[in-house]
C-alpha atoms as a PDB file:
ATOM      1  CA  MET A   1     -17.772 -20.030 -14.671  1.00  0.00           C
ATOM      2  CA  VAL A   2     -14.493 -20.830 -12.935  1.00  0.00           C
ATOM      3  CA  ALA A   3     -13.574 -18.992  -9.725  1.00  0.00           C
ATOM      4  CA  GLU A   4     -10.158 -17.939 -10.906  1.00  0.00           C
ATOM      5  CA  ALA A   5      -8.161 -14.707 -10.943  1.00  0.00           C
ATOM      6  CA  LEU A   6      -6.275 -14.629 -14.200  1.00  0.00           C
ATOM      7  CA  ALA A   7      -3.221 -12.354 -14.331  1.00  0.00           C
ATOM      8  CA  LEU A   8      -3.311 -10.534 -17.647  1.00  0.00           C
ATOM      9  CA  PRO A   9      -0.093 -11.223 -19.622  1.00  0.00           C
ATOM     10  CA  ALA A  10       0.250  -7.640 -20.844  1.00  0.00           C
ATOM     11  CA  TYR A  11       1.233  -6.445 -17.371  1.00  0.00           C
ATOM     12  CA  SER A  12       4.820  -6.676 -16.123  1.00  0.00           C
ATOM     13  CA  PRO A  13       5.216  -5.897 -12.394  1.00  0.00           C
ATOM     14  CA  HIS A  14       7.146  -2.853 -11.217  1.00  0.00           C
ATOM     15  CA  ALA A  15      10.691  -3.381  -9.954  1.00  0.00           C
ATOM     16  CA  VAL A  16       9.679  -2.690  -6.323  1.00  0.00           C
ATOM     17  CA  HIS A  17       7.456  -5.778  -6.483  1.00  0.00           C
ATOM     18  CA  ALA A  18      10.327  -8.103  -7.380  1.00  0.00           C
ATOM     19  CA  ALA A  19      10.400 -11.232  -5.226  1.00  0.00           C
ATOM     20  CA  GLU A  20      14.015 -10.722  -4.157  1.00  0.00           C
ATOM     21  CA  ARG A  21      13.321  -7.407  -2.410  1.00  0.00           C
ATOM     22  CA  HIS A  22      13.026  -7.291   1.387  1.00  0.00           C
ATOM     23  CA  TRP A  23       9.339  -6.386   1.091  1.00  0.00           C
ATOM     24  CA  PRO A  24       7.834  -7.226  -2.317  1.00  0.00           C
ATOM     25  CA  GLN A  25       4.489  -5.845  -1.112  1.00  0.00           C
ATOM     26  CA  SER A  26       3.565  -2.978   1.192  1.00  0.00           C
ATOM     27  CA  ASN A  27      -0.149  -2.300   1.647  1.00  0.00           C
ATOM     28  CA  CYS A  28      -3.119  -2.498  -0.698  1.00  0.00           C
ATOM     29  CA  SER A  29      -3.179   1.253  -1.358  1.00  0.00           C
ATOM     30  CA  LEU A  30       0.504   1.825  -2.147  1.00  0.00           C
ATOM     31  CA  ASP A  31       0.768  -1.375  -4.167  1.00  0.00           C
ATOM     32  CA  LEU A  32      -2.342  -0.561  -6.188  1.00  0.00           C
ATOM     33  CA  TRP A  33      -1.056   2.891  -7.136  1.00  0.00           C
ATOM     34  CA  ILE A  34       2.413   1.596  -7.979  1.00  0.00           C
ATOM     35  CA  THR A  35       0.879  -1.095 -10.179  1.00  0.00           C
ATOM     36  CA  TYR A  36      -1.584   1.172 -11.966  1.00  0.00           C
ATOM     37  CA  LEU A  37       0.790   4.075 -12.591  1.00  0.00           C
ATOM     38  CA  HIS A  38       3.423   1.661 -13.872  1.00  0.00           C
ATOM     39  CA  HIS A  39       0.795   0.201 -16.219  1.00  0.00           C
ATOM     40  CA  LEU A  40       0.129   3.714 -17.559  1.00  0.00           C
ATOM     41  CA  GLY A  41       3.835   4.278 -18.171  1.00  0.00           C
ATOM     42  CA  LEU A  42       4.021   6.863 -15.368  1.00  0.00           C
ATOM     43  CA  SER A  43       6.533   7.012 -12.501  1.00  0.00           C
ATOM     44  CA  PRO A  44       5.086   6.008  -9.121  1.00  0.00           C
ATOM     45  CA  GLU A  45       8.504   6.897  -7.688  1.00  0.00           C
ATOM     46  CA  ALA A  46       7.694  10.600  -7.972  1.00  0.00           C
ATOM     47  CA  LEU A  47       5.008  10.213  -5.277  1.00  0.00           C
ATOM     48  CA  MET A  48       7.143   8.336  -2.767  1.00  0.00           C
ATOM     49  CA  GLY A  49       8.433  11.385  -0.918  1.00  0.00           C
ATOM     50  CA  ALA A  50       5.149  11.395   1.019  1.00  0.00           C
ATOM     51  CA  LEU A  51       6.342   8.281   2.848  1.00  0.00           C
ATOM     52  CA  VAL A  52       8.692  10.294   5.082  1.00  0.00           C
ATOM     53  CA  GLN A  53       5.549  11.070   7.103  1.00  0.00           C
ATOM     54  CA  LEU A  54       5.476   7.531   8.504  1.00  0.00           C
ATOM     55  CA  ASP A  55       5.021   7.617  12.275  1.00  0.00           C
ATOM     56  CA  TYR A  56       4.340   5.308  15.181  1.00  0.00           C
ATOM     57  CA  GLU A  57       0.668   5.826  16.017  1.00  0.00           C
ATOM     58  CA  GLY A  58       0.727   4.303  19.509  1.00  0.00           C
ATOM     59  CA  ASP A  59      -0.685   0.928  18.462  1.00  0.00           C
ATOM     60  CA  GLN A  60       0.600   0.581  14.881  1.00  0.00           C
ATOM     61  CA  PHE A  61       2.728   2.295  12.256  1.00  0.00           C
ATOM     62  CA  THR A  62       1.114   4.660   9.775  1.00  0.00           C
ATOM     63  CA  PHE A  63      -0.787   2.972   6.952  1.00  0.00           C
ATOM     64  CA  CYS A  64       0.885   5.201   4.389  1.00  0.00           C
ATOM     65  CA  LYS A  65      -0.755   6.311   1.173  1.00  0.00           C
ATOM     66  CA  PHE A  66       0.300   8.571  -1.674  1.00  0.00           C
ATOM     67  CA  GLU A  67      -1.049  12.112  -1.511  1.00  0.00           C
ATOM     68  CA  PRO A  68      -3.860  12.992  -3.967  1.00  0.00           C
ATOM     69  CA  ALA A  69      -2.367  16.477  -4.406  1.00  0.00           C
ATOM     70  CA  ASP A  70       0.916  14.933  -5.597  1.00  0.00           C
ATOM     71  CA  LEU A  71      -0.990  12.662  -7.953  1.00  0.00           C
ATOM     72  CA  ALA A  72      -2.702  15.673  -9.514  1.00  0.00           C
ATOM     73  CA  ASN A  73       0.341  17.982  -9.594  1.00  0.00           C
ATOM     74  CA  MET A  74       2.756  15.462 -11.074  1.00  0.00           C
ATOM     75  CA  HIS A  75       0.619  13.111 -13.134  1.00  0.00           C
ATOM     76  CA  GLY A  76      -2.469  15.194 -13.913  1.00  0.00           C
ATOM     77  CA  LEU A  77      -4.742  12.596 -12.278  1.00  0.00           C
ATOM     78  CA  VAL A  78      -7.565  13.717 -10.005  1.00  0.00           C
ATOM     79  CA  LEU A  79      -9.046  11.364  -7.410  1.00  0.00           C
ATOM     80  CA  ARG A  80     -12.557  12.092  -6.137  1.00  0.00           C
ATOM     81  CA  GLU A  81     -15.076  10.270  -4.007  1.00  0.00           C
ATOM     82  CA  LEU A  82     -17.924   8.771  -6.003  1.00  0.00           C
ATOM     83  CA  ALA A  83     -21.351   8.981  -4.382  1.00  0.00           C
ATOM     84  CA  MET A  84     -23.032   5.586  -4.053  1.00  0.00           C
ATOM     85  CA  PHE A  85     -26.826   5.837  -4.235  1.00  0.00           C
ATOM     86  CA  ASP A  86     -27.709   2.973  -6.571  1.00  0.00           C
ATOM     87  CA  ARG A  87     -26.341  -0.475  -7.424  1.00  0.00           C
ATOM     88  CA  LEU A  88     -22.548  -0.579  -7.231  1.00  0.00           C
ATOM     89  CA  GLN A  89     -22.333  -2.540 -10.468  1.00  0.00           C
ATOM     90  CA  ASP A  90     -24.225   0.176 -12.350  1.00  0.00           C
ATOM     91  CA  HIS A  91     -22.110   3.036 -10.986  1.00  0.00           C
ATOM     92  CA  VAL A  92     -18.916   1.192 -11.887  1.00  0.00           C
ATOM     93  CA  ALA A  93     -20.152   0.456 -15.409  1.00  0.00           C
ATOM     94  CA  VAL A  94     -20.941   4.142 -16.045  1.00  0.00           C
ATOM     95  CA  GLN A  95     -17.546   5.374 -14.844  1.00  0.00           C
ATOM     96  CA  VAL A  96     -15.526   2.692 -16.636  1.00  0.00           C
ATOM     97  CA  ALA A  97     -17.373   3.535 -19.868  1.00  0.00           C
ATOM     98  CA  ARG A  98     -16.154   7.131 -19.412  1.00  0.00           C
ATOM     99  CA  GLY A  99     -12.551   5.925 -19.304  1.00  0.00           C
ATOM    100  CA  HIS A 100     -12.076   6.247 -15.541  1.00  0.00           C
ATOM    101  CA  LEU A 101     -10.517   3.887 -13.031  1.00  0.00           C
ATOM    102  CA  VAL A 102     -12.898   3.097 -10.156  1.00  0.00           C
ATOM    103  CA  LEU A 103     -11.351   2.388  -6.749  1.00  0.00           C
ATOM    104  CA  VAL A 104     -13.590   0.366  -4.433  1.00  0.00           C
ATOM    105  CA  GLU A 105     -13.111  -1.086  -0.953  1.00  0.00           C
ATOM    106  CA  LEU A 106     -14.263  -4.707  -1.239  1.00  0.00           C
ATOM    107  CA  ASP A 107     -13.968  -8.010   0.600  1.00  0.00           C
ATOM    108  CA  GLY A 108     -10.854 -10.083  -0.106  1.00  0.00           C
ATOM    109  CA  PHE A 109     -12.880 -13.194   0.755  1.00  0.00           C
ATOM    110  CA  HIS A 110     -14.317 -13.093  -2.768  1.00  0.00           C
ATOM    111  CA  MET A 111     -11.140 -12.143  -4.645  1.00  0.00           C
ATOM    112  CA  PRO A 112      -9.308 -15.197  -6.037  1.00  0.00           C
ATOM    113  CA  ASP A 113      -6.040 -13.323  -6.576  1.00  0.00           C
ATOM    114  CA  THR A 114      -5.717 -13.497  -2.753  1.00  0.00           C
ATOM    115  CA  ARG A 115      -5.872 -17.307  -2.873  1.00  0.00           C
ATOM    116  CA  SER A 116      -2.773 -17.621  -0.681  1.00  0.00           C
ATOM    117  CA  THR A 117      -4.184 -15.329   2.016  1.00  0.00           C
ATOM    118  CA  SER A 118      -7.839 -14.344   2.439  1.00  0.00           C
ATOM    119  CA  TYR A 119      -9.743 -15.915  -0.476  1.00  0.00           C
ATOM    120  CA  GLN A 120     -12.571 -18.105   0.872  1.00  0.00           C
ATOM    121  CA  ARG A 121     -10.819 -18.042   4.282  1.00  0.00           C
ATOM    122  CA  GLU A 122     -11.439 -14.734   5.997  1.00  0.00           C
ATOM    123  CA  HIS A 123     -13.195 -11.444   5.399  1.00  0.00           C
ATOM    124  CA  SER A 124     -10.770  -8.555   4.925  1.00  0.00           C
ATOM    125  CA  LYS A 125     -11.166  -5.072   3.521  1.00  0.00           C
ATOM    126  CA  THR A 126      -9.003  -4.271   0.524  1.00  0.00           C
ATOM    127  CA  THR A 127      -9.018  -1.729  -2.304  1.00  0.00           C
ATOM    128  CA  ILE A 128      -9.060  -2.627  -5.985  1.00  0.00           C
ATOM    129  CA  GLY A 129      -8.942  -0.445  -9.103  1.00  0.00           C
ATOM    130  CA  ILE A 130     -11.575  -1.536 -11.626  1.00  0.00           C
ATOM    131  CA  GLU A 131     -10.668  -0.928 -15.272  1.00  0.00           C
ATOM    132  CA  SER A 132     -13.315  -3.022 -17.045  1.00  0.00           C
ATOM    133  CA  ILE A 133     -16.687  -4.586 -16.293  1.00  0.00           C
ATOM    134  CA  ASP A 134     -19.100  -6.752 -18.275  1.00  0.00           C
ATOM    135  CA  PRO A 135     -22.341  -7.203 -16.305  1.00  0.00           C
ATOM    136  CA  GLU A 136     -23.857  -9.585 -18.842  1.00  0.00           C
ATOM    137  CA  ARG A 137     -20.884 -11.976 -18.726  1.00  0.00           C
ATOM    138  CA  GLU A 138     -20.281 -11.210 -15.022  1.00  0.00           C
ATOM    139  CA  LEU A 139     -16.666 -10.368 -15.772  1.00  0.00           C
ATOM    140  CA  LEU A 140     -14.448  -7.892 -13.929  1.00  0.00           C
ATOM    141  CA  GLY A 141     -10.977  -6.596 -14.873  1.00  0.00           C
ATOM    142  CA  TYR A 142      -9.087  -4.954 -12.029  1.00  0.00           C
ATOM    143  CA  PHE A 143      -5.776  -3.949 -10.465  1.00  0.00           C
ATOM    144  CA  HIS A 144      -4.992  -5.261  -6.994  1.00  0.00           C
ATOM    145  CA  ASN A 145      -1.779  -5.285  -4.993  1.00  0.00           C
ATOM    146  CA  ALA A 146       1.035  -6.005  -7.456  1.00  0.00           C
ATOM    147  CA  GLY A 147      -1.002  -7.374 -10.353  1.00  0.00           C
ATOM    148  CA  ARG A 148      -3.702  -6.974 -12.974  1.00  0.00           C
ATOM    149  CA  TYR A 149      -6.455  -9.582 -12.909  1.00  0.00           C
ATOM    150  CA  VAL A 150      -9.801 -10.815 -14.163  1.00  0.00           C
ATOM    151  CA  LEU A 151     -12.486 -12.530 -12.083  1.00  0.00           C
ATOM    152  CA  GLN A 152     -15.923 -13.794 -12.977  1.00  0.00           C
ATOM    153  CA  GLY A 153     -18.956 -15.848 -12.035  1.00  0.00           C
ATOM    154  CA  ALA A 154     -19.665 -16.529  -8.363  1.00  0.00           C
ATOM    155  CA  ASP A 155     -16.983 -14.121  -7.155  1.00  0.00           C
ATOM    156  CA  TYR A 156     -18.416 -11.337  -9.325  1.00  0.00           C
ATOM    157  CA  ARG A 157     -21.905 -11.957  -7.962  1.00  0.00           C
ATOM    158  CA  ALA A 158     -20.634 -11.938  -4.372  1.00  0.00           C
ATOM    159  CA  LEU A 159     -18.584  -8.748  -4.726  1.00  0.00           C
ATOM    160  CA  PHE A 160     -21.496  -6.858  -6.271  1.00  0.00           C
ATOM    161  CA  ALA A 161     -24.154  -8.496  -4.078  1.00  0.00           C
ATOM    162  CA  ILE A 162     -26.111  -9.478  -7.182  1.00  0.00           C
ATOM    163  CA  ASP A 163     -28.189 -12.055  -5.317  1.00  0.00           C
ATOM    164  CA  SER A 164     -28.810  -9.924  -2.217  1.00  0.00           C
ATOM    165  CA  LEU A 165     -31.949  -8.080  -1.306  1.00  0.00           C
ATOM    166  CA  ASP A 166     -32.236  -4.382  -2.118  1.00  0.00           C
ATOM    167  CA  ARG A 167     -29.613  -2.565  -0.010  1.00  0.00           C
ATOM    168  CA  GLN A 168     -32.081   0.216   0.725  1.00  0.00           C
ATOM    169  CA  ALA A 169     -34.448  -2.339   2.214  1.00  0.00           C
ATOM    170  CA  THR A 170     -31.785  -4.058   4.325  1.00  0.00           C
ATOM    171  CA  GLY A 171     -29.869  -0.930   5.346  1.00  0.00           C
ATOM    172  CA  ALA A 172     -26.587  -2.421   4.140  1.00  0.00           C
ATOM    173  CA  LEU A 173     -23.848   0.140   3.540  1.00  0.00           C
ATOM    174  CA  LEU A 174     -22.493   0.637   0.056  1.00  0.00           C
ATOM    175  CA  PRO A 175     -18.686   0.473  -0.143  1.00  0.00           C
ATOM    176  CA  TYR A 176     -16.475   3.557  -0.152  1.00  0.00           C
ATOM    177  CA  THR A 177     -15.721   4.313  -3.797  1.00  0.00           C
ATOM    178  CA  GLU A 178     -13.466   6.771  -5.635  1.00  0.00           C
ATOM    179  CA  VAL A 179     -13.014   7.615  -9.288  1.00  0.00           C
ATOM    180  CA  LEU A 180      -9.755   8.591 -10.981  1.00  0.00           C
ATOM    181  CA  GLN A 181      -9.897  11.058 -13.857  1.00  0.00           C
ATOM    182  CA  ARG A 182      -7.106  12.328 -16.116  1.00  0.00           C
ATOM    183  CA  LYS A 183      -7.255  16.124 -16.324  1.00  0.00           C
ATOM    184  CA  ARG A 184      -3.975  17.007 -18.055  1.00  0.00           C
ATOM    185  CA  GLU A 185      -0.772  15.516 -19.383  1.00  0.00           C
ATOM    186  CA  PRO A 186       1.758  14.294 -16.784  1.00  0.00           C
ATOM    187  CA  LEU A 187       5.056  15.969 -16.010  1.00  0.00           C
ATOM    188  CA  GLN A 188       8.150  14.216 -17.294  1.00  0.00           C
ATOM    189  CA  GLY A 189      11.923  14.252 -16.916  1.00  0.00           C
ATOM    190  CA  ASP A 190      13.496  17.143 -15.015  1.00  0.00           C
ATOM    191  CA  ALA A 191      10.120  18.812 -14.465  1.00  0.00           C
ATOM    192  CA  LEU A 192       8.821  15.677 -12.714  1.00  0.00           C
ATOM    193  CA  ARG A 193      11.897  15.336 -10.504  1.00  0.00           C
ATOM    194  CA  SER A 194      11.735  19.022  -9.579  1.00  0.00           C
ATOM    195  CA  ALA A 195       8.066  18.708  -8.629  1.00  0.00           C
ATOM    196  CA  SER A 196       8.829  15.584  -6.616  1.00  0.00           C
ATOM    197  CA  LEU A 197      11.578  17.342  -4.660  1.00  0.00           C
ATOM    198  CA  SER A 198       9.259  20.275  -3.958  1.00  0.00           C
ATOM    199  CA  ALA A 199       6.649  17.865  -2.646  1.00  0.00           C
ATOM    200  CA  LEU A 200       9.266  16.073  -0.535  1.00  0.00           C
ATOM    201  CA  ARG A 201      10.197  19.366   1.082  1.00  0.00           C
ATOM    202  CA  GLN A 202       6.571  19.836   2.158  1.00  0.00           C
ATOM    203  CA  HIS A 203       6.226  16.261   3.391  1.00  0.00           C
ATOM    204  CA  LEU A 204       9.334  16.652   5.545  1.00  0.00           C
ATOM    205  CA  LEU A 205       7.544  19.464   7.377  1.00  0.00           C
ATOM    206  CA  LEU A 206       4.994  16.830   8.431  1.00  0.00           C
ATOM    207  CA  ALA A 207       7.516  14.147   9.368  1.00  0.00           C
ATOM    208  CA  PRO A 208       7.504  13.118  13.066  1.00  0.00           C
ATOM    209  CA  LYS A 209       9.198  15.538  15.438  1.00  0.00           C
ATOM    210  CA  VAL A 210      10.020  12.687  17.819  1.00  0.00           C
ATOM    211  CA  ASN A 211      11.838   9.618  16.536  1.00  0.00           C
ATOM    212  CA  PRO A 212       9.017   7.071  16.061  1.00  0.00           C
ATOM    213  CA  PHE A 213      11.262   4.068  16.630  1.00  0.00           C
ATOM    214  CA  LEU A 214      12.365   5.293  20.057  1.00  0.00           C
ATOM    215  CA  VAL A 215       8.701   5.674  20.988  1.00  0.00           C
ATOM    216  CA  TYR A 216       7.926   2.198  19.652  1.00  0.00           C
ATOM    217  CA  GLN A 217      10.892   0.729  21.510  1.00  0.00           C
ATOM    218  CA  GLN A 218       9.365   1.824  24.821  1.00  0.00           C
ATOM    219  CA  ARG A 219       6.254  -0.237  24.087  1.00  0.00           C
ATOM    220  CA  TYR A 220       7.858  -3.151  22.274  1.00  0.00           C
ATOM    221  CA  GLU A 221       8.517  -5.467  25.222  1.00  0.00           C
ATOM    222  CA  ALA A 222       4.865  -5.380  26.298  1.00  0.00           C
ATOM    223  CA  ASP A 223       3.774  -5.837  22.683  1.00  0.00           C
ATOM    224  CA  LEU A 224       5.991  -8.882  22.255  1.00  0.00           C
ATOM    225  CA  ALA A 225       4.548 -10.500  25.375  1.00  0.00           C
ATOM    226  CA  ARG A 226       1.031  -9.892  24.056  1.00  0.00           C
ATOM    227  CA  VAL A 227       1.833 -11.380  20.634  1.00  0.00           C
ATOM    228  CA  ILE A 228       3.365 -14.486  22.232  1.00  0.00           C
ATOM    229  CA  GLU A 229       0.326 -14.904  24.470  1.00  0.00           C
ATOM    230  CA  ARG A 230      -2.163 -14.595  21.603  1.00  0.00           C
ATOM    231  CA  GLY A 231      -0.276 -16.838  19.201  1.00  0.00           C
ATOM    232  CA  ASN A 232       0.379 -17.201  15.506  1.00  0.00           C
ATOM    233  CA  GLU A 233      -2.910 -15.818  14.172  1.00  0.00           C
ATOM    234  CA  PHE A 234      -2.477 -12.542  16.041  1.00  0.00           C
ATOM    235  CA  PHE A 235       1.209 -12.436  15.052  1.00  0.00           C
ATOM    236  CA  HIS A 236       0.222 -12.075  11.380  1.00  0.00           C
ATOM    237  CA  LEU A 237      -2.041  -9.124  12.151  1.00  0.00           C
ATOM    238  CA  TYR A 238       0.561  -7.473  14.352  1.00  0.00           C
ATOM    239  CA  ALA A 239       3.407  -8.026  11.887  1.00  0.00           C
ATOM    240  CA  PHE A 240       1.430  -6.537   9.007  1.00  0.00           C
ATOM    241  CA  ASN A 241       0.661  -3.356  10.943  1.00  0.00           C
ATOM    242  CA  HIS A 242       4.159  -2.950  12.349  1.00  0.00           C
ATOM    243  CA  PHE A 243       7.058  -4.663  10.597  1.00  0.00           C
ATOM    244  CA  ARG A 244       5.610  -4.686   7.109  1.00  0.00           C
ATOM    245  CA  GLN A 245       4.415  -1.087   7.305  1.00  0.00           C
ATOM    246  CA  PHE A 246       7.706   0.503   8.303  1.00  0.00           C
ATOM    247  CA  GLY A 247       9.832  -2.073   6.465  1.00  0.00           C
ATOM    248  CA  ALA A 248       8.011  -1.672   3.157  1.00  0.00           C
ATOM    249  CA  VAL A 249       7.890   2.121   3.453  1.00  0.00           C
ATOM    250  CA  PHE A 250      11.641   2.392   3.886  1.00  0.00           C
ATOM    251  CA  GLY A 251      12.155  -0.102   1.093  1.00  0.00           C
ATOM    252  CA  LEU A 252      10.172   2.247  -1.156  1.00  0.00           C
ATOM    253  CA  LEU A 253      12.056   5.290   0.146  1.00  0.00           C
ATOM    254  CA  GLU A 254      15.325   3.546  -0.730  1.00  0.00           C
ATOM    255  CA  HIS A 255      14.050   3.071  -4.270  1.00  0.00           C
ATOM    256  CA  TYR A 256      12.832   6.685  -4.404  1.00  0.00           C
ATOM    257  CA  LEU A 257      16.155   8.175  -3.328  1.00  0.00           C
ATOM    258  CA  ARG A 258      17.967   6.195  -6.011  1.00  0.00           C
ATOM    259  CA  TRP A 259      15.361   7.302  -8.569  1.00  0.00           C
ATOM    260  CA  LEU A 260      16.225  10.943  -7.777  1.00  0.00           C
ATOM    261  CA  ASP A 261      19.644  10.123  -9.285  1.00  0.00           C
ATOM    262  CA  ASP A 262      21.926  12.189  -7.078  1.00  0.00           C
ATOM    263  CA  GLU A 263      25.036  10.606  -5.567  1.00  0.00           C
ATOM    264  CA  ALA A 264      24.616  12.755  -2.460  1.00  0.00           C
ATOM    265  CA  LEU A 265      21.463  10.760  -1.610  1.00  0.00           C
ATOM    266  CA  LEU A 266      23.012   7.288  -1.924  1.00  0.00           C
ATOM    267  CA  PRO A 267      24.151   7.042   1.741  1.00  0.00           C
ATOM    268  CA  LEU A 268      20.593   7.887   2.802  1.00  0.00           C
ATOM    269  CA  ALA A 269      19.249   5.252   0.431  1.00  0.00           C
ATOM    270  CA  ASP A 270      21.559   2.707   2.080  1.00  0.00           C
ATOM    271  CA  HIS A 271      20.136   3.618   5.506  1.00  0.00           C
ATOM    272  CA  CYS A 272      16.610   3.107   4.166  1.00  0.00           C
ATOM    273  CA  ASP A 273      17.569  -0.297   2.783  1.00  0.00           C
ATOM    274  CA  GLN A 274      18.990  -1.320   6.154  1.00  0.00           C
ATOM    275  CA  ILE A 275      15.806  -0.248   7.955  1.00  0.00           C
ATOM    276  CA  ALA A 276      13.797  -2.424   5.553  1.00  0.00           C
ATOM    277  CA  ALA A 277      16.163  -5.338   6.238  1.00  0.00           C
ATOM    278  CA  GLN A 278      15.968  -4.841  10.009  1.00  0.00           C
ATOM    279  CA  ALA A 279      12.164  -4.872   9.858  1.00  0.00           C
ATOM    280  CA  LYS A 280      12.311  -8.238   8.097  1.00  0.00           C
ATOM    281  CA  LEU A 281      14.747  -9.524  10.731  1.00  0.00           C
ATOM    282  CA  MET A 282      12.451  -8.386  13.537  1.00  0.00           C
ATOM    283  CA  GLN A 283       9.515 -10.183  11.919  1.00  0.00           C
ATOM    284  CA  PHE A 284      11.560 -13.390  11.760  1.00  0.00           C
ATOM    285  CA  ARG A 285      12.680 -13.029  15.372  1.00  0.00           C
ATOM    286  CA  VAL A 286       9.124 -12.484  16.593  1.00  0.00           C
ATOM    287  CA  VAL A 287       7.659 -15.441  14.710  1.00  0.00           C
ATOM    288  CA  ARG A 288      10.391 -17.578  16.280  1.00  0.00           C
ATOM    289  CA  ALA A 289       9.562 -16.177  19.721  1.00  0.00           C
ATOM    290  CA  VAL A 290       5.900 -17.034  19.164  1.00  0.00           C
ATOM    291  CA  ALA A 291       6.806 -20.593  18.153  1.00  0.00           C
ATOM    292  CA  ARG A 292       8.990 -21.007  21.248  1.00  0.00           C
ATOM    293  CA  ARG A 293       6.544 -19.073  23.436  1.00  0.00           C
ATOM    294  CA  LYS A 294       9.522 -17.218  24.858  1.00  0.00           C
ATOM    295  CA  ALA A 295      10.440 -13.529  24.562  1.00  0.00           C
ATOM    296  CA  ASP A 296      13.819 -12.509  23.149  1.00  0.00           C
ATOM    297  CA  ASP A 297      15.838  -9.303  22.892  1.00  0.00           C
ATOM    298  CA  SER A 298      14.720  -8.410  19.354  1.00  0.00           C
ATOM    299  CA  GLY A 299      13.709  -4.968  20.621  1.00  0.00           C
ATOM    300  CA  LYS A 300      17.398  -4.014  20.645  1.00  0.00           C
ATOM    301  CA  ILE A 301      17.246  -3.884  16.849  1.00  0.00           C
ATOM    302  CA  LEU A 302      15.128  -0.740  17.172  1.00  0.00           C
ATOM    303  CA  SER A 303      18.113   1.222  18.479  1.00  0.00           C
ATOM    304  CA  ASP A 304      19.880   0.787  15.150  1.00  0.00           C
ATOM    305  CA  VAL A 305      16.670   1.533  13.235  1.00  0.00           C
ATOM    306  CA  ALA A 306      16.162   4.722  15.239  1.00  0.00           C
ATOM    307  CA  GLU A 307      19.700   5.931  14.456  1.00  0.00           C
ATOM    308  CA  ARG A 308      19.188   5.266  10.756  1.00  0.00           C
ATOM    309  CA  TRP A 309      15.820   7.075  10.792  1.00  0.00           C
ATOM    310  CA  ASP A 310      17.557  10.122  12.285  1.00  0.00           C
ATOM    311  CA  ALA A 311      20.242   9.936   9.612  1.00  0.00           C
ATOM    312  CA  VAL A 312      17.670   9.789   6.805  1.00  0.00           C
ATOM    313  CA  ILE A 313      15.397  12.577   8.023  1.00  0.00           C
ATOM    314  CA  THR A 314      18.257  14.869   9.080  1.00  0.00           C
ATOM    315  CA  GLY A 315      20.100  14.149   5.841  1.00  0.00           C
ATOM    316  CA  LEU A 316      17.081  14.956   3.679  1.00  0.00           C
ATOM    317  CA  ARG A 317      16.426  18.217   5.515  1.00  0.00           C
ATOM    318  CA  ARG A 318      20.053  19.208   5.049  1.00  0.00           C
ATOM    319  CA  TYR A 319      19.959  18.211   1.363  1.00  0.00           C
ATOM    320  CA  LEU A 320      16.865  20.273   0.673  1.00  0.00           C
ATOM    321  CA  GLY A 321      18.127  23.258   2.635  1.00  0.00           C
END
C-alpha cells in the first residue's frame, strides 16, 4: 500500500478555492462545507451570510463556521452528533452504507493530502468528511479542505487506530463525530436567495457591536513584539488565527455579495475584497518583520480595515432595512 492521497478526477474545485484569490483556503470547516456542497451541486454561497458574525476574540479572530440551521433550512441537510461507543471504523462504515457523510475530527499527521503542511511532520486537529470506506482493503474516500481524496494502508490504520489496544482499556478518547443526513430537497433560485437574505438579517443581529479591528489594533503592537520574539514557527500559528481568519472570511463575503446579484451590494463587495487584500499584506509585513527581527508600522493598516468593516456592516443593515 502506498501512503498517497489521490485527488479524485471527478471533482472540480469551487471558484473560491482558485489559486489566484487572496485566500484560496480559509479553515478546515468552511473549506470542507464549500467543497462538499459544491460536489453535490448545491450553493455554499447561500450559507455565507453567517460570516458577518466574525469578531476579535481577544487572542484570535473567530474560527467561523456555517450555521447548521442555515444548512437545514436552505439545503435540507441535517447535521447531528454521532455517539461514539464502539470502534470508529465500524460506526463510519454503518453510516456511509446508509448514504450519509460522516464528519470526524482526526489528526492531520496521518493525512497525506496535507503533505505540504502537517503530514508526518506535526500533529494537528482537522475535520474531514468521509464518503466511502472499505475496511477490508483499508481504503478511505473523503473530503478535506478544498479537495476530494483517497487514502489507504498505513495512514488508514493510523487514523482508525487499527493496531492500538482497546480504547476502553486504555481510556483513549474517541474523536468528535457528526453525521450529515438529507431530509428534504434543497431550495433553489429565488427561493434560495430569499432564504439566504433572511438568514443574513438574523446574523447581522449577532455581528459585533464594537468594531473588532479597532479592538485588535489596540493589542497589535504587543502581539507583533511577541511574534518577533518567538520566531517563524509561532508566526505561522499566529497568522493562521488572525490574518487568514479575517482575510479569508471577507474574501468569502465578497463572493457572497456578488452571488446575491444586486448592483447595490457591489460597493460593499469591493470593501470586502480590500479587507481580504489588506489581511494578506499584513501577513507579508509581519513575516518580513520576523525575518528582520524588527517591528514595523503594519498596525496602521488596521485603520483602513476598520473603516471598511464599518462600511460593510452599516451598508448591509441599511440594505436589509
